[in-house]
């Protein structure tokens, strides 16, 4: 199994907008499960907000193998969601690891 981890910084500074953006991102990402082959699960969660300097959100997705992760990256549904998310975030960092 491969885990794909992405950290995001949201553009909006409005708490109401940040909550809304997170929920829209979560819904669109969740819709990929069952549609993108090799994507077993996906979760998007906000940071607790207790410590300054932390990233705003974490995405963790699980894939069958590296080939499935690579296919996910170029899948049209993922590209559509990634474009939507790209408009809401100012920065991102990614780590992939096997387990």
Protein backbone atom coordinates (compact mmCIF):
# COMPACT_ATOMS: atom_id res chain seq x y z
CA UNK A 1 0.00 0.00 0.00
CA UNK A 2 1.03 3.58 -0.69
CA UNK A 3 -0.09 6.57 1.35
CA UNK A 4 -0.22 9.96 -0.35
CA UNK A 5 -0.10 12.84 2.15
CA UNK A 6 -0.71 16.46 1.18
CA UNK A 7 -0.60 19.48 3.48
CA UNK A 8 -2.43 22.64 2.46
CA UNK A 9 -2.47 26.32 3.43
CA UNK A 10 -5.84 27.89 2.61
CA UNK A 11 -5.97 31.30 0.93
CA UNK A 12 -8.96 32.63 2.85
CA UNK A 13 -8.51 34.25 6.24
CA UNK A 14 -12.25 34.21 7.00
CA UNK A 15 -13.10 31.37 9.42
CA UNK A 16 -16.52 30.90 7.83
CA UNK A 17 -15.01 30.69 4.34
CA UNK A 18 -12.24 28.33 5.50
CA UNK A 19 -14.83 25.95 6.99
CA UNK A 20 -16.87 26.10 3.79
CA UNK A 21 -13.80 25.56 1.59
CA UNK A 22 -12.75 22.56 3.69
CA UNK A 23 -16.19 20.96 3.45
CA UNK A 24 -16.35 21.46 -0.32
CA UNK A 25 -12.86 20.02 -0.72
CA UNK A 26 -13.75 17.05 1.50
CA UNK A 27 -16.93 16.26 -0.44
CA UNK A 28 -15.25 16.45 -3.82
CA UNK A 29 -12.33 14.29 -2.70
CA UNK A 30 -14.59 11.68 -1.09
CA UNK A 31 -16.47 11.34 -4.37
CA UNK A 32 -13.29 10.01 -5.99
CA UNK A 33 -13.37 6.79 -3.94
CA UNK A 34 -14.99 4.11 -6.06
CA UNK A 35 -14.48 6.20 -9.20
CA UNK A 36 -10.68 6.19 -9.44
CA UNK A 37 -9.27 2.65 -9.68
CA UNK A 38 -6.70 1.81 -7.01
CA UNK A 39 -7.83 4.63 -4.66
CA UNK A 40 -8.86 2.80 -1.49
CA UNK A 41 -9.59 5.72 0.81
CA UNK A 42 -9.17 9.46 1.14
CA UNK A 43 -9.54 11.80 4.12
CA UNK A 44 -9.19 15.56 4.50
CA UNK A 45 -8.96 17.00 8.00
CA UNK A 46 -8.17 20.44 9.43
CA UNK A 47 -5.35 21.10 11.85
CA UNK A 48 -6.47 21.55 15.46
CA UNK A 49 -5.42 25.19 15.24
CA UNK A 50 -3.72 25.11 18.61
CA UNK A 51 -0.20 25.99 17.41
CA UNK A 52 0.75 28.85 15.11
CA UNK A 53 2.71 27.90 12.03
CA UNK A 54 0.98 24.57 11.37
CA UNK A 55 -0.45 23.79 7.95
CA UNK A 56 -4.24 24.25 7.71
CA UNK A 57 -5.31 20.87 6.29
CA UNK A 58 -4.02 17.36 5.76
CA UNK A 59 -5.13 14.98 3.02
CA UNK A 60 -4.26 11.30 3.32
CA UNK A 61 -5.17 8.87 0.56
CA UNK A 62 -4.36 5.17 0.33
CA UNK A 63 -3.55 3.47 -2.97
CA UNK A 64 -2.99 -0.16 -3.94
CA UNK A 65 0.55 0.49 -5.14
CA UNK A 66 2.73 3.12 -6.79
CA UNK A 67 1.17 2.44 -10.20
CA UNK A 68 -2.27 3.16 -8.72
CA UNK A 69 -0.97 6.41 -7.19
CA UNK A 70 0.50 7.46 -10.53
CA UNK A 71 -2.79 6.64 -12.29
CA UNK A 72 -4.69 8.66 -9.64
CA UNK A 73 -2.48 11.69 -10.29
CA UNK A 74 -3.44 11.82 -13.98
CA UNK A 75 -7.03 10.58 -13.71
CA UNK A 76 -9.43 13.20 -15.18
CA UNK A 77 -11.64 13.23 -12.05
CA UNK A 78 -8.62 13.83 -9.81
CA UNK A 79 -7.34 16.57 -12.12
CA UNK A 80 -10.74 18.29 -11.92
CA UNK A 81 -10.73 18.18 -8.11
CA UNK A 82 -7.08 19.26 -7.97
CA UNK A 83 -7.90 22.29 -10.11
CA UNK A 84 -10.78 23.21 -7.77
CA UNK A 85 -8.51 22.83 -4.72
CA UNK A 86 -5.73 24.80 -6.38
CA UNK A 87 -7.98 27.85 -6.46
CA UNK A 88 -8.53 27.62 -2.69
CA UNK A 89 -4.99 27.05 -1.44
CA UNK A 90 -1.87 29.17 -1.40
CA UNK A 91 0.65 26.40 -0.70
CA UNK A 92 0.94 22.63 -0.51
CA UNK A 93 3.50 20.01 0.44
CA UNK A 94 3.39 16.31 -0.44
CA UNK A 95 4.90 13.08 0.89
CA UNK A 96 4.25 9.58 -0.44
CA UNK A 97 5.27 6.50 1.54
CA UNK A 98 4.85 2.75 1.42
CA UNK A 99 3.49 0.71 4.29
